Every structure is written in C-alpha cells, then in structure tokens.
Amino acid sequence: MAGPGNGIAQTQQAHNMTINAQTLLVPKKMFFTKGVGSHKHELRSFELALRDAEIEKCNIVHVSSIFPPNCELISRNEGAKYIYPGMITFAVTARLSSNENRRLIAASIGCAIPSDPNTYGYLSEYFAFGQTEKEAGDTAEDLAAAMLASTLGIDIDEDKSWDEKEEFYRISDKIVKTTNVTQSAVVEKGGYTTVVAAGVFIF
C-alpha cells in the first residue's frame, strides 16, 4: 500500500513535468525577416514573399505578440541555421496583398524589449495601404512600445509623435530597445503583390 508520502512525491513529480513542458514552449531565440512576392495568383505571390523571407519551407503557426523573457534576438542569417523543411514554426506575422496596380502596400512587425531581461516585451503586427516603409515601421514600433509601456506603468501621451515618445521611453530607462522589420512594395501590373514581415521564434 502506498503511503501518503508517495502521493505527495507523485504530485510533485507531475507538477515538475508540467513546468518542464511549459518551459519547452517558451522560445529561447527570435529573428526578424521580411519578403515580397508578385504573381498572377494571390497564393503564389504569398509563397514567393515567404521564399524571399527564407521561411517558405516552414509550416507557420501565427501567434500573438509577446517577446519572451530572456529571449535572444538573433540575425536572420543566424536564424536560418535553425530552420528545417516542414518544421512547425511559431511566428508573429504581418501580411498584406493587393492586385491594384501601383498601390503602395506595407507590412511590419514592431518590437519593444524591457531593460529587465526577466520581464516580457511586446511585438506588434501592422499592415497598411499608402504608407511608406518608414511610416509603417514607425507605427508598428510605436504600437509595441505603447503596449509595453502600459504594463510597466509608464504614463505617455498617445497623441505625441513617435520621435517624442521614443525619446521619452529612453529617458524612462524601463525600455531598453524598440525596433521594427518592415516590407513595402508597389503592386505590379497584371497580378498580385504580397508583402510579409515576421518575427520567427526558435526553441
């Protein structure tokens, strides 16, 4: 007959297994990538955009938008070393397609990382018609920083320009980095153009 001590040990073991399983699902690294593709079929233009971003071999699962604590931001070239054909790949993605000739389109991922590495940051997904790469990138970066600021108790005037808010965040010393990856393009005549931006997680 099992004593009460065995029951406690089994409960603790189950708890530890749960923690270990959860830990395995927290990404250790992340890289940014972007791409553009054009084709007469929208799906093919999307695939070509993924190919341009060098993640077409992945089975991509879209996730929202937390930059994990102690996650290392690595380069696209470094990230490519962790990509294998057919792998299930979790990514924060932004995508936009159009077949309107000469239409300007953009897709962007913004990122805000706190100065405390044990605290999570934020990623934002943003896409827009008629915005330049800089305009879309600034908006995405602003969105990510605003979400992080709200969790850190930073009071900021939402109506200020991004340049003013970026300077304020630096002074506050609670946000160590903001950045974005943005892909813009002008739609080519006779087909679809798709732009993609992504933050790709590595476990």
C-alpha atoms as a PDB file:
ATOM      1  CA  MET A   1       0.000   0.000   0.000  1.00  0.00           C
ATOM      2  CA  ALA A   2       1.287   3.425  -0.948  1.00  0.00           C
ATOM      3  CA  GLY A   3       1.726   5.807   1.964  1.00  0.00           C
ATOM      4  CA  PRO A   4       0.850   9.499   1.936  1.00  0.00           C
ATOM      5  CA  GLY A   5       4.472  10.333   1.227  1.00  0.00           C
ATOM      6  CA  ASN A   6       4.270   8.529  -2.124  1.00  0.00           C
ATOM      7  CA  GLY A   7       1.196  10.530  -3.087  1.00  0.00           C
ATOM      8  CA  ILE A   8       2.985  13.814  -2.345  1.00  0.00           C
ATOM      9  CA  ALA A   9       6.015  12.674  -4.335  1.00  0.00           C
ATOM     10  CA  GLN A  10       3.829  11.748  -7.321  1.00  0.00           C
ATOM     11  CA  THR A  11       2.051  15.102  -7.176  1.00  0.00           C
ATOM     12  CA  GLN A  12       5.388  16.936  -7.078  1.00  0.00           C
ATOM     13  CA  GLN A  13       6.693  14.860  -9.973  1.00  0.00           C
ATOM     14  CA  ALA A  14       3.606  15.673 -12.050  1.00  0.00           C
ATOM     15  CA  HIS A  15       3.995  19.345 -11.174  1.00  0.00           C
ATOM     16  CA  ASN A  16       7.649  19.305 -12.243  1.00  0.00           C
ATOM     17  CA  MET A  17       6.738  17.613 -15.533  1.00  0.00           C
ATOM     18  CA  THR A  18       4.171  20.331 -16.188  1.00  0.00           C
ATOM     19  CA  ILE A  19       6.732  23.059 -15.508  1.00  0.00           C
ATOM     20  CA  ASN A  20       9.259  21.342 -17.796  1.00  0.00           C
ATOM     21  CA  ALA A  21       6.688  21.050 -20.578  1.00  0.00           C
ATOM     22  CA  GLN A  22       5.801  24.704 -20.217  1.00  0.00           C
ATOM     23  CA  THR A  23       9.459  25.686 -20.275  1.00  0.00           C
ATOM     24  CA  LEU A  24       9.953  23.848 -23.556  1.00  0.00           C
ATOM     25  CA  LEU A  25       7.268  26.019 -25.145  1.00  0.00           C
ATOM     26  CA  VAL A  26       8.985  29.296 -24.267  1.00  0.00           C
ATOM     27  CA  PRO A  27      11.165  30.397 -27.204  1.00  0.00           C
ATOM     28  CA  LYS A  28      14.851  30.934 -26.493  1.00  0.00           C
ATOM     29  CA  LYS A  29      15.629  32.940 -29.630  1.00  0.00           C
ATOM     30  CA  MET A  30      13.850  35.060 -32.224  1.00  0.00           C
ATOM     31  CA  PHE A  31      14.795  36.585 -35.562  1.00  0.00           C
ATOM     32  CA  PHE A  32      13.139  39.073 -37.878  1.00  0.00           C
ATOM     33  CA  THR A  33      12.605  38.538 -41.567  1.00  0.00           C
ATOM     34  CA  LYS A  34      10.635  40.070 -44.430  1.00  0.00           C
ATOM     35  CA  GLY A  35       9.827  39.464 -48.079  1.00  0.00           C
ATOM     36  CA  VAL A  36       7.834  40.448 -51.146  1.00  0.00           C
ATOM     37  CA  GLY A  37       6.394  38.382 -53.987  1.00  0.00           C
ATOM     38  CA  SER A  38       4.380  39.035 -57.162  1.00  0.00           C
ATOM     39  CA  HIS A  39       2.315  36.606 -59.260  1.00  0.00           C
ATOM     40  CA  LYS A  40      -0.962  36.420 -61.153  1.00  0.00           C
ATOM     41  CA  HIS A  41      -2.357  34.260 -58.319  1.00  0.00           C
ATOM     42  CA  GLU A  42      -2.506  35.673 -54.797  1.00  0.00           C
ATOM     43  CA  LEU A  43      -1.486  32.408 -53.127  1.00  0.00           C
ATOM     44  CA  ARG A  44       1.627  32.149 -55.276  1.00  0.00           C
ATOM     45  CA  SER A  45       2.532  35.764 -54.542  1.00  0.00           C
ATOM     46  CA  PHE A  46       2.320  34.913 -50.827  1.00  0.00           C
ATOM     47  CA  GLU A  47       4.520  31.847 -51.278  1.00  0.00           C
ATOM     48  CA  LEU A  48       7.060  33.935 -53.184  1.00  0.00           C
ATOM     49  CA  ALA A  49       7.054  36.509 -50.387  1.00  0.00           C
ATOM     50  CA  LEU A  50       7.752  33.723 -47.872  1.00  0.00           C
ATOM     51  CA  ARG A  51      10.516  32.473 -50.169  1.00  0.00           C
ATOM     52  CA  ASP A  52      12.021  35.958 -50.265  1.00  0.00           C
ATOM     53  CA  ALA A  53      11.892  35.933 -46.446  1.00  0.00           C
ATOM     54  CA  GLU A  54      13.530  32.456 -46.466  1.00  0.00           C
ATOM     55  CA  ILE A  55      10.797  30.818 -44.385  1.00  0.00           C
ATOM     56  CA  GLU A  56       8.791  29.163 -47.182  1.00  0.00           C
ATOM     57  CA  LYS A  57       9.952  25.710 -46.008  1.00  0.00           C
ATOM     58  CA  CYS A  58       8.180  26.166 -42.665  1.00  0.00           C
ATOM     59  CA  ASN A  59       4.670  25.248 -41.573  1.00  0.00           C
ATOM     60  CA  ILE A  60       3.978  28.609 -39.983  1.00  0.00           C
ATOM     61  CA  VAL A  61       1.706  28.964 -36.962  1.00  0.00           C
ATOM     62  CA  HIS A  62       0.665  32.567 -36.341  1.00  0.00           C
ATOM     63  CA  VAL A  63       0.944  33.600 -32.697  1.00  0.00           C
ATOM     64  CA  SER A  64       0.466  36.849 -30.801  1.00  0.00           C
ATOM     65  CA  SER A  65       2.574  39.046 -29.560  1.00  0.00           C
ATOM     66  CA  ILE A  66       4.799  38.555 -26.512  1.00  0.00           C
ATOM     67  CA  PHE A  67       8.582  38.776 -26.680  1.00  0.00           C
ATOM     68  CA  PRO A  68       9.556  36.140 -24.074  1.00  0.00           C
ATOM     69  CA  PRO A  69      11.719  36.910 -21.041  1.00  0.00           C
ATOM     70  CA  ASN A  70      15.420  36.172 -21.609  1.00  0.00           C
ATOM     71  CA  CYS A  71      14.815  35.612 -25.324  1.00  0.00           C
ATOM     72  CA  GLU A  72      17.833  36.331 -27.529  1.00  0.00           C
ATOM     73  CA  LEU A  73      17.270  38.442 -30.635  1.00  0.00           C
ATOM     74  CA  ILE A  74      19.448  36.978 -33.392  1.00  0.00           C
ATOM     75  CA  SER A  75      20.143  37.885 -37.018  1.00  0.00           C
ATOM     76  CA  ARG A  76      18.210  36.468 -39.963  1.00  0.00           C
ATOM     77  CA  ASN A  77      21.316  34.652 -41.169  1.00  0.00           C
ATOM     78  CA  GLU A  78      21.807  33.064 -37.743  1.00  0.00           C
ATOM     79  CA  GLY A  79      18.118  32.183 -37.534  1.00  0.00           C
ATOM     80  CA  ALA A  80      18.211  30.399 -40.890  1.00  0.00           C
ATOM     81  CA  LYS A  81      20.513  27.785 -39.333  1.00  0.00           C
ATOM     82  CA  TYR A  82      17.621  26.631 -37.119  1.00  0.00           C
ATOM     83  CA  ILE A  83      15.102  26.244 -39.953  1.00  0.00           C
ATOM     84  CA  TYR A  84      14.362  22.757 -41.315  1.00  0.00           C
ATOM     85  CA  PRO A  85      11.951  21.814 -44.123  1.00  0.00           C
ATOM     86  CA  GLY A  86       8.473  21.034 -42.806  1.00  0.00           C
ATOM     87  CA  MET A  87       9.081  22.158 -39.241  1.00  0.00           C
ATOM     88  CA  ILE A  88       6.192  23.670 -37.279  1.00  0.00           C
ATOM     89  CA  THR A  89       7.323  27.259 -36.855  1.00  0.00           C
ATOM     90  CA  PHE A  90       5.725  29.762 -34.497  1.00  0.00           C
ATOM     91  CA  ALA A  91       5.891  33.343 -35.729  1.00  0.00           C
ATOM     92  CA  VAL A  92       4.314  36.745 -35.240  1.00  0.00           C
ATOM     93  CA  THR A  93       3.421  37.725 -38.797  1.00  0.00           C
ATOM     94  CA  ALA A  94       2.001  40.646 -40.748  1.00  0.00           C
ATOM     95  CA  ARG A  95       0.845  40.202 -44.340  1.00  0.00           C
ATOM     96  CA  LEU A  96      -0.876  42.288 -46.995  1.00  0.00           C
ATOM     97  CA  SER A  97      -1.804  41.536 -50.610  1.00  0.00           C
ATOM     98  CA  SER A  98      -3.283  43.632 -53.413  1.00  0.00           C
ATOM     99  CA  ASN A  99      -3.822  43.478 -57.162  1.00  0.00           C
ATOM    100  CA  GLU A 100      -4.491  47.227 -57.513  1.00  0.00           C
ATOM    101  CA  ASN A 101      -1.889  48.491 -59.946  1.00  0.00           C
ATOM    102  CA  ARG A 102       0.678  50.903 -58.429  1.00  0.00           C
ATOM    103  CA  ARG A 103      -0.872  50.595 -54.959  1.00  0.00           C
ATOM    104  CA  LEU A 104       1.674  51.101 -52.169  1.00  0.00           C
ATOM    105  CA  ILE A 105       1.419  48.391 -49.504  1.00  0.00           C
ATOM    106  CA  ALA A 106       3.402  47.642 -46.345  1.00  0.00           C
ATOM    107  CA  ALA A 107       3.588  45.016 -43.608  1.00  0.00           C
ATOM    108  CA  SER A 108       5.529  45.489 -40.389  1.00  0.00           C
ATOM    109  CA  ILE A 109       6.400  43.863 -37.068  1.00  0.00           C
ATOM    110  CA  GLY A 110       7.284  46.216 -34.211  1.00  0.00           C
ATOM    111  CA  CYS A 111       9.201  45.162 -31.124  1.00  0.00           C
ATOM    112  CA  ALA A 112       9.731  46.675 -27.682  1.00  0.00           C
ATOM    113  CA  ILE A 113      12.088  44.997 -25.190  1.00  0.00           C
ATOM    114  CA  PRO A 114      12.228  45.936 -21.485  1.00  0.00           C
ATOM    115  CA  SER A 115      15.501  46.745 -19.744  1.00  0.00           C
ATOM    116  CA  ASP A 116      14.828  43.931 -17.234  1.00  0.00           C
ATOM    117  CA  PRO A 117      15.588  40.703 -19.163  1.00  0.00           C
ATOM    118  CA  ASN A 118      13.330  38.720 -16.833  1.00  0.00           C
ATOM    119  CA  THR A 119      10.322  40.770 -17.976  1.00  0.00           C
ATOM    120  CA  TYR A 120       8.472  40.077 -21.215  1.00  0.00           C
ATOM    121  CA  GLY A 121       8.305  42.536 -24.090  1.00  0.00           C
ATOM    122  CA  TYR A 122       5.822  43.121 -26.878  1.00  0.00           C
ATOM    123  CA  LEU A 123       5.583  42.546 -30.607  1.00  0.00           C
ATOM    124  CA  SER A 124       3.010  44.222 -32.840  1.00  0.00           C
ATOM    125  CA  GLU A 125       1.611  43.275 -36.249  1.00  0.00           C
ATOM    126  CA  TYR A 126       0.747  46.117 -38.597  1.00  0.00           C
ATOM    127  CA  PHE A 127      -0.121  46.477 -42.277  1.00  0.00           C
ATOM    128  CA  ALA A 128      -1.316  49.437 -44.307  1.00  0.00           C
ATOM    129  CA  PHE A 129      -2.103  50.800 -47.739  1.00  0.00           C
ATOM    130  CA  GLY A 130      -0.467  54.011 -48.898  1.00  0.00           C
ATOM    131  CA  GLN A 131       2.255  54.171 -46.257  1.00  0.00           C
ATOM    132  CA  THR A 132       5.993  54.198 -46.841  1.00  0.00           C
ATOM    133  CA  GLU A 133       8.266  51.674 -45.184  1.00  0.00           C
ATOM    134  CA  LYS A 134       9.319  54.260 -42.593  1.00  0.00           C
ATOM    135  CA  GLU A 135       5.741  55.307 -41.797  1.00  0.00           C
ATOM    136  CA  ALA A 136       4.561  51.727 -41.340  1.00  0.00           C
ATOM    137  CA  GLY A 137       7.670  50.787 -39.356  1.00  0.00           C
ATOM    138  CA  ASP A 138       7.328  53.747 -37.012  1.00  0.00           C
ATOM    139  CA  THR A 139       3.662  52.897 -36.399  1.00  0.00           C
ATOM    140  CA  ALA A 140       4.425  49.245 -35.642  1.00  0.00           C
ATOM    141  CA  GLU A 141       7.270  50.215 -33.324  1.00  0.00           C
ATOM    142  CA  ASP A 142       5.044  52.763 -31.589  1.00  0.00           C
ATOM    143  CA  LEU A 143       2.298  50.171 -31.044  1.00  0.00           C
ATOM    144  CA  ALA A 144       4.707  47.669 -29.470  1.00  0.00           C
ATOM    145  CA  ALA A 145       6.279  50.326 -27.239  1.00  0.00           C
ATOM    146  CA  ALA A 146       2.888  51.640 -26.116  1.00  0.00           C
ATOM    147  CA  MET A 147       1.717  48.148 -25.115  1.00  0.00           C
ATOM    148  CA  LEU A 148       4.903  47.513 -23.161  1.00  0.00           C
ATOM    149  CA  ALA A 149       4.795  50.948 -21.544  1.00  0.00           C
ATOM    150  CA  SER A 150       1.277  50.295 -20.273  1.00  0.00           C
ATOM    151  CA  THR A 151       2.408  47.111 -18.488  1.00  0.00           C
ATOM    152  CA  LEU A 152       5.434  48.868 -16.977  1.00  0.00           C
ATOM    153  CA  GLY A 153       3.409  51.757 -15.581  1.00  0.00           C
ATOM    154  CA  ILE A 154       4.898  54.350 -17.930  1.00  0.00           C
ATOM    155  CA  ASP A 155       2.446  57.207 -18.464  1.00  0.00           C
ATOM    156  CA  ILE A 156       2.702  58.545 -22.018  1.00  0.00           C
ATOM    157  CA  ASP A 157       0.679  60.950 -24.134  1.00  0.00           C
ATOM    158  CA  GLU A 158      -0.681  58.841 -27.008  1.00  0.00           C
ATOM    159  CA  ASP A 159      -1.061  61.956 -29.172  1.00  0.00           C
ATOM    160  CA  LYS A 160       2.657  62.741 -29.214  1.00  0.00           C
ATOM    161  CA  SER A 161       4.740  61.911 -32.278  1.00  0.00           C
ATOM    162  CA  TRP A 162       6.699  58.667 -32.320  1.00  0.00           C
ATOM    163  CA  ASP A 163      10.005  60.586 -32.138  1.00  0.00           C
ATOM    164  CA  GLU A 164       8.848  62.341 -28.942  1.00  0.00           C
ATOM    165  CA  LYS A 165       7.609  59.113 -27.378  1.00  0.00           C
ATOM    166  CA  GLU A 166      10.752  57.206 -28.360  1.00  0.00           C
ATOM    167  CA  GLU A 167      12.892  59.791 -26.586  1.00  0.00           C
ATOM    168  CA  PHE A 168      10.656  59.615 -23.516  1.00  0.00           C
ATOM    169  CA  TYR A 169      10.934  55.825 -23.400  1.00  0.00           C
ATOM    170  CA  ARG A 170      14.715  56.091 -23.481  1.00  0.00           C
ATOM    171  CA  ILE A 171      14.697  58.566 -20.607  1.00  0.00           C
ATOM    172  CA  SER A 172      12.360  56.341 -18.550  1.00  0.00           C
ATOM    173  CA  ASP A 173      15.091  53.641 -18.511  1.00  0.00           C
ATOM    174  CA  LYS A 174      12.473  50.864 -18.473  1.00  0.00           C
ATOM    175  CA  ILE A 175      12.503  50.091 -22.193  1.00  0.00           C
ATOM    176  CA  VAL A 176      15.926  49.146 -23.493  1.00  0.00           C
ATOM    177  CA  LYS A 177      15.165  48.710 -27.188  1.00  0.00           C
ATOM    178  CA  THR A 178      12.498  49.347 -29.811  1.00  0.00           C
ATOM    179  CA  THR A 179      12.825  48.209 -33.396  1.00  0.00           C
ATOM    180  CA  ASN A 180      10.830  47.049 -36.401  1.00  0.00           C
ATOM    181  CA  VAL A 181      11.101  44.996 -39.564  1.00  0.00           C
ATOM    182  CA  THR A 182       9.054  46.316 -42.462  1.00  0.00           C
ATOM    183  CA  GLN A 183       8.472  45.332 -46.066  1.00  0.00           C
ATOM    184  CA  SER A 184       6.848  47.750 -48.503  1.00  0.00           C
ATOM    185  CA  ALA A 185       6.201  47.408 -52.230  1.00  0.00           C
ATOM    186  CA  VAL A 186       4.309  48.926 -55.134  1.00  0.00           C
ATOM    187  CA  VAL A 187       1.832  46.486 -56.691  1.00  0.00           C
ATOM    188  CA  GLU A 188       2.947  45.266 -60.105  1.00  0.00           C
ATOM    189  CA  LYS A 189       0.575  45.421 -63.057  1.00  0.00           C
ATOM    190  CA  GLY A 190      -1.302  42.277 -64.041  1.00  0.00           C
ATOM    191  CA  GLY A 191      -1.215  40.348 -60.795  1.00  0.00           C
ATOM    192  CA  TYR A 192      -0.986  40.291 -57.016  1.00  0.00           C
ATOM    193  CA  THR A 193       1.811  41.596 -54.856  1.00  0.00           C
ATOM    194  CA  THR A 194       2.176  40.357 -51.280  1.00  0.00           C
ATOM    195  CA  VAL A 195       4.381  41.748 -48.529  1.00  0.00           C
ATOM    196  CA  VAL A 196       5.272  39.802 -45.391  1.00  0.00           C
ATOM    197  CA  ALA A 197       7.073  40.671 -42.162  1.00  0.00           C
ATOM    198  CA  ALA A 198       7.697  38.184 -39.362  1.00  0.00           C
ATOM    199  CA  GLY A 199       9.288  37.613 -36.014  1.00  0.00           C
ATOM    200  CA  VAL A 200      10.216  33.923 -36.001  1.00  0.00           C
ATOM    201  CA  PHE A 201      10.606  32.024 -32.726  1.00  0.00           C
ATOM    202  CA  ILE A 202      13.253  29.379 -32.122  1.00  0.00           C
ATOM    203  CA  PHE A 203      13.007  26.845 -29.279  1.00  0.00           C
END
